[in-house]
Protein backbone atom coordinates (compact mmCIF):
# COMPACT_ATOMS: atom_id res chain seq x y z
CA MET A 1 0.02 0.04 -0.01
CA PRO A 2 1.38 3.32 -0.98
CA SER A 3 2.17 5.91 1.64
CA THR A 4 1.80 9.59 1.51
CA SER A 5 4.77 11.21 -0.14
CA SER A 6 7.33 13.13 1.76
CA LEU A 7 7.14 15.82 -0.94
CA ALA A 8 6.12 19.28 0.35
CA PRO A 9 2.45 20.06 0.16
CA LEU A 10 1.15 22.39 -2.58
CA ALA A 11 2.23 25.95 -1.86
CA PRO A 12 3.03 25.22 1.88
CA ALA A 13 3.90 28.88 2.65
CA ALA A 14 0.69 30.24 1.33
CA THR A 15 -2.17 31.17 3.76
CA SER A 16 -5.72 30.05 3.53
CA ALA A 17 -6.64 33.40 2.06
CA ASN A 18 -4.57 32.44 -1.01
CA MET A 19 -6.32 29.13 -1.57
CA ALA A 20 -9.20 28.28 -3.80
CA LEU A 21 -9.61 24.87 -2.32
CA GLN A 22 -8.42 23.13 0.87
CA VAL A 23 -9.09 19.49 1.66
CA SER A 24 -8.23 17.96 4.97
CA GLN A 25 -8.25 14.24 5.99
CA LEU A 26 -11.05 13.44 3.62
CA SER A 27 -12.23 9.76 3.57
CA TRP A 28 -15.05 7.95 2.01
CA ALA A 29 -16.20 4.37 1.94
CA ILE A 30 -19.15 2.46 0.33
CA GLU A 31 -20.56 -0.85 1.54
CA GLY A 32 -17.63 -1.19 3.88
CA LYS A 33 -14.89 -0.78 1.22
CA THR A 34 -12.69 2.35 1.58
CA ILE A 35 -12.45 4.33 -1.52
CA LEU A 36 -10.61 7.35 -0.28
CA SER A 37 -8.49 7.55 2.90
CA GLU A 38 -7.03 10.66 4.63
CA ILE A 39 -6.82 12.78 1.57
CA SER A 40 -5.28 16.29 2.22
CA PHE A 41 -4.12 18.92 -0.32
CA ALA A 42 -4.57 22.62 -1.14
CA LEU A 43 -5.16 24.30 -4.49
CA PRO A 44 -3.78 27.95 -4.74
CA LYS A 45 -5.99 30.51 -6.49
CA GLY A 46 -5.36 30.64 -10.23
CA GLU A 47 -3.49 27.41 -10.48
CA MET A 48 -4.25 24.20 -12.38
CA LEU A 49 -3.96 20.88 -10.36
CA GLY A 50 -3.87 17.61 -12.34
CA LEU A 51 -5.33 14.65 -10.70
CA ILE A 52 -3.57 11.49 -11.85
CA GLY A 53 -3.57 7.79 -11.00
CA PRO A 54 -4.41 4.39 -12.26
CA ASN A 55 -7.91 3.16 -12.87
CA GLY A 56 -9.74 2.62 -9.61
CA ALA A 57 -7.33 5.04 -7.63
CA GLY A 58 -10.37 7.15 -6.52
CA LYS A 59 -9.97 10.15 -8.82
CA SER A 60 -13.64 10.45 -9.78
CA SER A 61 -14.80 9.77 -6.24
CA LEU A 62 -12.63 12.54 -4.95
CA LEU A 63 -13.93 14.97 -7.60
CA ARG A 64 -17.56 13.95 -6.71
CA CYS A 65 -16.84 14.83 -3.03
CA LEU A 66 -15.52 18.25 -4.13
CA TYR A 67 -18.66 19.11 -6.15
CA ARG A 68 -20.95 17.75 -3.47
CA PHE A 69 -22.36 14.82 -5.39
CA ILE A 70 -21.33 12.48 -2.49
CA ARG A 71 -20.79 13.27 1.09
CA PRO A 72 -17.47 12.12 2.56
CA ALA A 73 -17.43 10.04 5.73
CA LYS A 74 -14.97 12.31 7.32
CA GLY A 75 -12.84 15.24 6.52
CA HIS A 76 -13.24 18.92 5.68
CA ILE A 77 -13.49 20.78 2.30
CA SER A 78 -13.06 24.50 2.23
CA LEU A 79 -13.87 26.64 -0.92
CA PHE A 80 -12.31 30.10 -0.79
CA SER A 81 -12.12 29.78 2.95
CA GLN A 82 -15.69 28.72 3.39
CA ASP A 83 -16.98 25.27 4.28
CA ILE A 84 -18.75 23.94 1.11
CA SER A 85 -21.67 22.53 3.21
CA GLU A 86 -22.49 26.09 4.19
CA LEU A 87 -23.00 27.20 0.61
CA SER A 88 -26.61 27.16 -0.95
CA PRO A 89 -26.89 25.29 -4.28
CA LYS A 90 -27.13 28.62 -6.18
CA ALA A 91 -24.11 30.13 -4.36
CA PHE A 92 -22.14 27.04 -4.97
CA ALA A 93 -22.99 27.00 -8.75
CA CYS A 94 -21.90 30.61 -8.92
CA LYS A 95 -18.37 29.63 -7.68
CA VAL A 96 -17.92 26.08 -9.14
CA ALA A 97 -18.58 24.68 -12.60
CA VAL A 98 -18.28 20.96 -13.29
CA VAL A 99 -17.73 18.94 -16.36
CA GLN A 100 -18.25 15.29 -15.67
CA GLN A 101 -16.68 12.22 -17.31
CA ASP A 102 -19.85 10.79 -18.71
CA THR A 103 -21.57 13.04 -21.27
CA PRO A 104 -25.11 13.64 -20.21
CA GLN A 105 -27.93 13.38 -22.65
CA TYR A 106 -30.01 16.50 -23.51
CA PHE A 107 -32.83 15.84 -25.90
CA ASP A 108 -34.63 18.59 -27.89
CA MET A 109 -31.90 21.11 -27.06
CA THR A 110 -29.60 22.84 -29.45
CA THR A 111 -25.89 23.37 -28.75
CA GLU A 112 -26.64 27.02 -28.08
CA GLN A 113 -29.29 26.21 -25.60
CA LEU A 114 -27.03 23.73 -23.80
CA VAL A 115 -24.24 26.33 -23.38
CA ALA A 116 -26.77 28.92 -22.22
CA MET A 117 -27.47 26.66 -19.22
CA GLY A 118 -24.30 27.99 -17.81
CA LEU A 119 -25.98 31.39 -17.25
CA THR A 120 -28.59 29.95 -14.92
CA PRO A 121 -26.78 30.44 -11.58
CA HIS A 122 -26.45 34.15 -12.30
CA LYS A 123 -30.08 34.78 -13.32
CA GLY A 124 -33.08 35.48 -11.26
CA MET A 125 -36.34 33.58 -11.79
CA PHE A 126 -37.76 36.31 -14.10
CA ASP A 127 -34.63 37.49 -15.75
CA SER A 128 -34.75 37.46 -19.55
CA HIS A 129 -31.98 36.52 -22.02
CA SER A 130 -30.02 39.68 -23.09
CA SER A 131 -27.76 40.55 -25.97
CA GLU A 132 -24.76 40.33 -23.52
CA ASP A 133 -25.76 36.83 -22.73
CA SER A 134 -25.84 35.97 -26.45
CA ASP A 135 -22.32 37.48 -26.87
CA LYS A 136 -21.03 35.24 -23.92
CA ILE A 137 -22.51 32.12 -25.53
CA ALA A 138 -21.10 33.03 -28.95
CA LYS A 139 -17.57 33.69 -27.61
CA ALA A 140 -17.55 30.44 -25.63
CA LEU A 141 -18.63 28.43 -28.65
CA ASP A 142 -15.92 30.13 -30.71
CA LYS A 143 -13.25 29.29 -28.15
CA VAL A 144 -14.09 25.55 -28.36
CA GLY A 145 -14.44 25.56 -32.15
CA LEU A 146 -18.25 24.99 -32.20
CA SER A 147 -19.58 28.16 -33.72
CA HIS A 148 -20.74 26.18 -36.71
CA LYS A 149 -22.76 23.86 -34.49
CA VAL A 150 -24.72 26.47 -32.74
CA HIS A 151 -28.15 25.52 -34.04
CA GLN A 152 -27.47 21.72 -34.25
CA GLN A 153 -29.28 19.34 -31.83
CA TYR A 154 -26.95 18.54 -29.00
CA ASP A 155 -27.73 14.87 -29.04
CA ARG A 156 -26.56 14.71 -32.72
CA LEU A 157 -23.08 16.01 -31.91
CA SER A 158 -20.14 13.61 -31.85
CA GLY A 159 -18.74 12.57 -28.43
CA GLY A 160 -15.91 14.96 -28.72
CA GLU A 161 -18.16 17.80 -29.85
CA LYS A 162 -20.36 17.11 -26.87
CA GLN A 163 -17.40 17.44 -24.55
CA ARG A 164 -16.41 20.65 -26.11
CA ALA A 165 -19.95 22.01 -25.74
CA LEU A 166 -19.95 21.21 -22.08
CA ILE A 167 -16.62 23.05 -21.69
CA ALA A 168 -18.26 26.06 -23.32
CA ARG A 169 -21.08 25.85 -20.86
CA ALA A 170 -18.63 25.91 -18.03
CA ILE A 171 -16.89 28.99 -19.54
CA VAL A 172 -20.19 30.77 -19.74
CA GLN A 173 -20.89 29.88 -16.06
CA GLN A 174 -17.81 32.07 -15.20
CA PRO A 175 -16.79 29.96 -12.18
CA GLN A 176 -13.98 30.69 -9.75
CA LEU A 177 -13.17 26.93 -9.61
CA LEU A 178 -13.50 24.54 -12.60
CA ILE A 179 -13.74 20.84 -11.86
CA LEU A 180 -13.15 18.54 -14.80
CA ASP A 181 -13.36 14.77 -14.76
CA GLU A 182 -11.44 13.43 -17.80
CA PRO A 183 -12.10 16.55 -19.90
CA THR A 184 -10.13 15.11 -22.84
CA ASN A 185 -12.29 12.04 -23.05
CA HIS A 186 -13.42 11.35 -26.69
CA LEU A 187 -11.18 14.23 -28.06
CA ASP A 188 -8.59 13.81 -30.71
CA ILE A 189 -5.09 14.89 -29.76
CA ARG A 190 -5.51 18.37 -31.37
CA TYR A 191 -8.52 19.22 -29.13
CA GLN A 192 -6.96 17.53 -26.13
CA ILE A 193 -4.22 20.01 -26.20
CA GLN A 194 -6.37 23.02 -27.27
CA ILE A 195 -9.05 22.43 -24.60
CA LEU A 196 -6.54 21.96 -21.77
CA GLU A 197 -4.61 25.09 -22.95
CA LEU A 198 -7.87 26.96 -23.11
CA VAL A 199 -8.84 25.94 -19.59
CA ARG A 200 -5.43 26.98 -18.32
CA SER A 201 -5.75 30.41 -20.09
CA LEU A 202 -8.98 31.30 -18.20
CA GLY A 203 -6.84 32.33 -15.25
CA ILE A 204 -9.17 30.56 -12.73
CA SER A 205 -8.43 27.69 -10.34
CA VAL A 206 -8.84 24.31 -12.01
CA ILE A 207 -8.73 20.70 -10.79
CA ALA A 208 -8.78 18.15 -13.56
CA SER A 209 -8.43 14.34 -13.65
CA ILE A 210 -6.23 13.41 -16.61
CA HIS A 211 -5.27 9.96 -17.79
CA ASP A 212 -2.51 11.18 -20.23
CA LEU A 213 0.49 11.80 -17.97
CA ASN A 214 2.36 13.78 -20.68
CA LEU A 215 -0.63 16.17 -21.09
CA ALA A 216 -0.78 16.59 -17.26
CA SER A 217 2.91 17.21 -17.15
CA ALA A 218 2.84 19.85 -19.77
CA LEU A 219 -0.19 21.79 -18.72
CA CYS A 220 -0.59 21.47 -14.97
CA ASP A 221 1.16 23.60 -12.23
CA HIS A 222 0.99 20.72 -9.79
CA LEU A 223 0.00 17.01 -9.79
CA LEU A 224 -1.81 15.05 -7.15
CA LEU A 225 -1.13 11.34 -7.64
CA LEU A 226 -3.60 8.83 -6.13
CA ASP A 227 -3.17 5.11 -5.72
CA LYS A 228 -5.62 2.86 -4.03
CA GLY A 229 -7.48 5.78 -2.42
CA LEU A 230 -4.36 7.32 -0.87
CA VAL A 231 -2.19 10.22 -1.84
CA SER A 232 1.00 8.65 -3.27
CA ALA A 233 2.68 11.96 -4.23
CA MET A 234 1.96 15.71 -4.79
CA GLY A 235 4.09 18.49 -6.14
CA THR A 236 5.30 19.84 -9.44
CA PRO A 237 5.35 17.51 -12.45
CA ALA A 238 9.04 17.05 -12.04
CA GLN A 239 8.67 16.04 -8.38
CA VAL A 240 5.86 13.55 -9.07
CA LEU A 241 6.63 11.97 -12.47
CA THR A 242 9.84 10.04 -11.77
CA GLU A 243 10.64 6.75 -13.37
CA GLU A 244 10.58 4.93 -10.06
CA ARG A 245 7.15 6.31 -9.14
CA ILE A 246 5.63 5.55 -12.53
CA ALA A 247 6.83 1.95 -12.11
CA GLU A 248 5.61 1.70 -8.56
CA VAL A 249 2.07 3.16 -9.15
CA PHE A 250 1.41 2.32 -12.84
CA GLY A 251 3.39 -0.80 -13.21
CA VAL A 252 5.05 0.17 -16.40
CA CYS A 253 8.71 0.85 -17.32
CA ALA A 254 9.39 4.38 -18.63
CA GLN A 255 12.14 6.73 -19.45
CA VAL A 256 11.61 10.36 -18.18
CA MET A 257 13.39 13.28 -19.81
CA PRO A 258 12.82 17.11 -20.07
CA HIS A 259 10.46 18.04 -22.86
CA PRO A 260 12.35 19.91 -25.56
CA GLN A 261 9.74 22.72 -25.56
CA HIS A 262 8.66 23.38 -22.02
CA GLY A 263 11.19 21.45 -19.95
CA ASN A 264 8.61 19.51 -17.83
CA PRO A 265 8.82 15.66 -17.69
CA LEU A 266 8.32 13.83 -21.05
CA ILE A 267 7.46 10.21 -20.43
CA ASN A 268 8.55 7.54 -23.01
CA TYR A 269 7.02 4.20 -22.27
CA PHE A 270 8.70 0.89 -23.04
CA TYR A 271 6.94 -2.17 -24.37
CA GLY A 272 7.25 -5.97 -24.03
CA TYR A 273 4.82 -7.01 -21.22
CA GLN A 274 3.33 -9.90 -23.15
CA LYS A 275 5.20 -12.96 -24.22
CA PRO A 276 4.87 -13.57 -27.96
CA LYS A 277 3.32 -16.82 -29.09
CA SER A 278 5.79 -19.44 -30.31
CA ASP A 279 5.24 -21.51 -33.45
CA THR A 280 4.31 -24.49 -31.25
CA ALA A 281 1.78 -22.40 -29.43
CA ASP A 282 0.24 -21.19 -32.70
CA ALA A 283 -0.11 -24.72 -33.96
CA ALA A 284 -1.68 -25.81 -30.62
CA SER A 285 -4.07 -22.91 -30.69
CA ASP A 286 -5.71 -24.14 -33.87
CA SER A 287 -7.31 -26.94 -31.84
CA HIS A 288 -7.23 -25.40 -28.41
CA PRO A 289 -7.72 -21.68 -28.66
CA VAL A 290 -5.99 -19.69 -25.80
CA SER A 291 -7.07 -16.22 -24.99
CA ALA A 292 -4.43 -13.40 -24.66
CA GLN A 293 -5.08 -13.22 -20.96
CA ALA A 294 -3.77 -16.76 -20.51
CA LEU A 295 -0.30 -15.69 -21.57
CA PRO A 296 1.92 -14.74 -18.66
CA PRO A 297 3.22 -11.17 -19.01
CA VAL A 298 6.91 -10.41 -18.80
CA ALA A 299 7.96 -7.77 -16.35
CA CYS A 300 9.61 -5.40 -18.81
CA ALA A 301 11.70 -5.37 -21.91
CA CYS A 302 13.70 -2.20 -21.45
CA HIS A 303 16.56 -3.16 -19.05
CA ASN A 304 16.22 0.24 -17.36
CA PRO A 305 18.36 0.11 -14.25
CA GLY A 306 16.41 3.02 -12.70
CA VAL A 307 13.23 1.01 -12.50
CA PRO A 308 12.81 -1.55 -9.59
CA SER A 309 11.80 -4.80 -11.11
CA ALA A 310 9.90 -5.68 -7.90
CA ALA A 311 7.53 -2.87 -8.57
CA LEU A 312 6.76 -4.11 -12.00
CA HIS A 313 6.30 -7.68 -10.81
CA LYS A 314 3.76 -6.74 -8.31
CA HIS A 315 1.55 -5.53 -11.12
CA SER A 316 1.80 -8.75 -13.11
CA VAL A 317 -1.36 -10.73 -13.72
CA GLU A 318 -1.33 -14.43 -13.14
CA PRO A 319 -2.28 -16.40 -16.19
CA THR A 320 -5.73 -17.80 -16.37
CA PRO A 321 -5.68 -21.57 -15.62
């Protein structure tokens, strides 16, 4: 089980007045199974925090606690020096925008109408739609490259277009904190980069779960690495993304070097975790098919002395009998 890193906490010298988000000793369990345990971190105002970790590490569960979808069993969450439980739904929505991992379905709604929903927290019950509102919507759609889809039905957009429309809705909402759960899901590489660069350029506080470690390294100020519901490491990309830690948490062999453009860690993965079939095995498979899962994986094929083989072996899956 990983232990909390000895790295310094995010912005340790800063006071609570400089923090957008402070999480202390947060834990959550369901049906007796611990999902999150003693999570503590802080996000300074105006910075972008990347939440990384393997599948099942607790990333989405942590974000759901932050945007009040689930209530943690213990711990404290402070949003701009105020307990989030003290905020009304409207006050919370004025401060926080959320883009979830799963794209929701909105039938009989155009892309423009979907994006306009971001204005709701700032409107009174009888407030009408203004020309200024239309300008905000048009600018947000232009930023995400969807101006040409403004009148198209939202449910007819591609998966990537839907994700970009939800980002536009969040921009229109004008939050102080933006929470993103896999914002690059369904996007091709061009829009993965553009959307994260756009989010970063907004100048607001952002916490985003990101699967692509190279994207997280390039565009986040700090990283929070979760493993099995615990904080494994937190700090700058250079502090968190080391070869040893990548092997320990993700179970893969990698070479880490400075990126030629921005200098943050660039991760090159090595391959060779699955033993190839021999000619004999191929012949035998004609009469007795064997699934790929039945082949025992090899630890690593890179011979990288900086990566502990024990860490890789612990992630090996036993062959199916």
